Amino acid sequence: MMTESATHHTRYAIRVKGQLDAEWQAWFDDLAISADADGNSTLHGVIVDQAALFGILKRINKLGLQLISVNPQPDE
């Protein structure tokens, strides 16, 4: 049985240490990448499910990036 939360896409803001160029956007499932004033980067956008979220986190780890935070964002 599928629950409503299982089919609901969630918007996330994922912060990593350091600056990422927009060229990395395709590697992170087309999440938008923005440079933060503190010298870090935020990936943001809709992630379809937890498997996709874990895939992105795995890529961050594989690149050796330091994860700062993973925050779901309110629906617009």
C-alpha atoms as a PDB file:
ATOM      1  CA  MET A   1       0.000   0.000   0.000  1.00  0.00           C
ATOM      2  CA  MET A   2       1.382   3.371  -1.019  1.00  0.00           C
ATOM      3  CA  THR A   3       0.991   6.323   1.323  1.00  0.00           C
ATOM      4  CA  GLU A   4       0.640   9.934   0.263  1.00  0.00           C
ATOM      5  CA  SER A   5       4.149  10.758   1.548  1.00  0.00           C
ATOM      6  CA  ALA A   6       5.634   8.010  -0.644  1.00  0.00           C
ATOM      7  CA  THR A   7       4.419   9.765  -3.797  1.00  0.00           C
ATOM      8  CA  HIS A   8       5.072  13.339  -2.661  1.00  0.00           C
ATOM      9  CA  HIS A   9       8.106  15.052  -4.191  1.00  0.00           C
ATOM     10  CA  THR A  10      10.055  17.165  -1.719  1.00  0.00           C
ATOM     11  CA  ARG A  11      12.087  20.310  -2.310  1.00  0.00           C
ATOM     12  CA  TYR A  12      15.482  20.255  -0.552  1.00  0.00           C
ATOM     13  CA  ALA A  13      18.344  22.623   0.175  1.00  0.00           C
ATOM     14  CA  ILE A  14      21.618  20.708   0.526  1.00  0.00           C
ATOM     15  CA  ARG A  15      24.618  22.740   1.690  1.00  0.00           C
ATOM     16  CA  VAL A  16      28.198  21.659   1.045  1.00  0.00           C
ATOM     17  CA  LYS A  17      31.522  23.199   2.007  1.00  0.00           C
ATOM     18  CA  GLY A  18      33.271  25.063  -0.804  1.00  0.00           C
ATOM     19  CA  GLN A  19      32.221  26.502  -4.135  1.00  0.00           C
ATOM     20  CA  LEU A  20      30.703  24.314  -6.846  1.00  0.00           C
ATOM     21  CA  ASP A  21      30.422  25.629 -10.387  1.00  0.00           C
ATOM     22  CA  ALA A  22      27.094  25.405 -12.200  1.00  0.00           C
ATOM     23  CA  GLU A  23      28.822  22.856 -14.489  1.00  0.00           C
ATOM     24  CA  TRP A  24      28.183  20.243 -11.764  1.00  0.00           C
ATOM     25  CA  GLN A  25      24.401  20.714 -12.059  1.00  0.00           C
ATOM     26  CA  ALA A  26      23.886  17.761 -14.425  1.00  0.00           C
ATOM     27  CA  TRP A  27      25.875  15.496 -12.096  1.00  0.00           C
ATOM     28  CA  PHE A  28      23.467  16.334  -9.270  1.00  0.00           C
ATOM     29  CA  ASP A  29      20.235  15.457 -11.107  1.00  0.00           C
ATOM     30  CA  ASP A  30      19.856  19.045 -12.368  1.00  0.00           C
ATOM     31  CA  LEU A  31      19.512  20.554  -8.898  1.00  0.00           C
ATOM     32  CA  ALA A  32      20.257  24.276  -9.053  1.00  0.00           C
ATOM     33  CA  ILE A  33      23.599  25.252  -7.524  1.00  0.00           C
ATOM     34  CA  SER A  34      24.084  28.602  -5.854  1.00  0.00           C
ATOM     35  CA  ALA A  35      27.147  30.164  -4.266  1.00  0.00           C
ATOM     36  CA  ASP A  36      26.564  31.270  -0.691  1.00  0.00           C
ATOM     37  CA  ALA A  37      28.048  34.441   0.784  1.00  0.00           C
ATOM     38  CA  ASP A  38      30.071  32.369   3.259  1.00  0.00           C
ATOM     39  CA  GLY A  39      32.016  30.603   0.484  1.00  0.00           C
ATOM     40  CA  ASN A  40      29.931  27.432   0.482  1.00  0.00           C
ATOM     41  CA  SER A  41      27.374  26.117  -2.022  1.00  0.00           C
ATOM     42  CA  THR A  42      23.722  25.116  -1.880  1.00  0.00           C
ATOM     43  CA  LEU A  43      22.097  22.568  -4.156  1.00  0.00           C
ATOM     44  CA  HIS A  44      18.366  23.094  -4.283  1.00  0.00           C
ATOM     45  CA  GLY A  45      15.381  21.669  -6.075  1.00  0.00           C
ATOM     46  CA  VAL A  46      12.823  18.889  -6.059  1.00  0.00           C
ATOM     47  CA  ILE A  47      13.994  15.370  -5.238  1.00  0.00           C
ATOM     48  CA  VAL A  48      11.494  12.682  -6.185  1.00  0.00           C
ATOM     49  CA  ASP A  49      12.070  10.223  -3.342  1.00  0.00           C
ATOM     50  CA  GLN A  50      14.493   9.058  -0.664  1.00  0.00           C
ATOM     51  CA  ALA A  51      16.375   6.805  -3.072  1.00  0.00           C
ATOM     52  CA  ALA A  52      17.155   9.848  -5.243  1.00  0.00           C
ATOM     53  CA  LEU A  53      18.178  11.843  -2.142  1.00  0.00           C
ATOM     54  CA  PHE A  54      20.545   9.073  -1.035  1.00  0.00           C
ATOM     55  CA  GLY A  55      21.980   8.944  -4.564  1.00  0.00           C
ATOM     56  CA  ILE A  56      22.812  12.651  -4.417  1.00  0.00           C
ATOM     57  CA  LEU A  57      24.326  12.294  -0.946  1.00  0.00           C
ATOM     58  CA  LYS A  58      26.407   9.386  -2.241  1.00  0.00           C
ATOM     59  CA  ARG A  59      27.749  11.576  -5.067  1.00  0.00           C
ATOM     60  CA  ILE A  60      28.630  14.311  -2.572  1.00  0.00           C
ATOM     61  CA  ASN A  61      30.545  11.726  -0.544  1.00  0.00           C
ATOM     62  CA  LYS A  62      32.257  10.269  -3.623  1.00  0.00           C
ATOM     63  CA  LEU A  63      33.506  13.744  -4.583  1.00  0.00           C
ATOM     64  CA  GLY A  64      34.953  14.167  -1.094  1.00  0.00           C
ATOM     65  CA  LEU A  65      32.757  17.192  -0.394  1.00  0.00           C
ATOM     66  CA  GLN A  66      31.931  18.055   3.199  1.00  0.00           C
ATOM     67  CA  LEU A  67      28.180  17.962   3.805  1.00  0.00           C
ATOM     68  CA  ILE A  68      26.966  20.878   5.944  1.00  0.00           C
ATOM     69  CA  SER A  69      23.204  20.297   5.981  1.00  0.00           C
ATOM     70  CA  VAL A  70      20.230  18.645   4.280  1.00  0.00           C
ATOM     71  CA  ASN A  71      16.969  20.508   4.795  1.00  0.00           C
ATOM     72  CA  PRO A  72      13.542  19.847   3.316  1.00  0.00           C
ATOM     73  CA  GLN A  73      11.910  23.086   2.200  1.00  0.00           C
ATOM     74  CA  PRO A  74       8.262  24.051   2.576  1.00  0.00           C
ATOM     75  CA  ASP A  75       5.994  23.639  -0.437  1.00  0.00           C
ATOM     76  CA  GLU A  76       5.596  26.800  -2.483  1.00  0.00           C
END
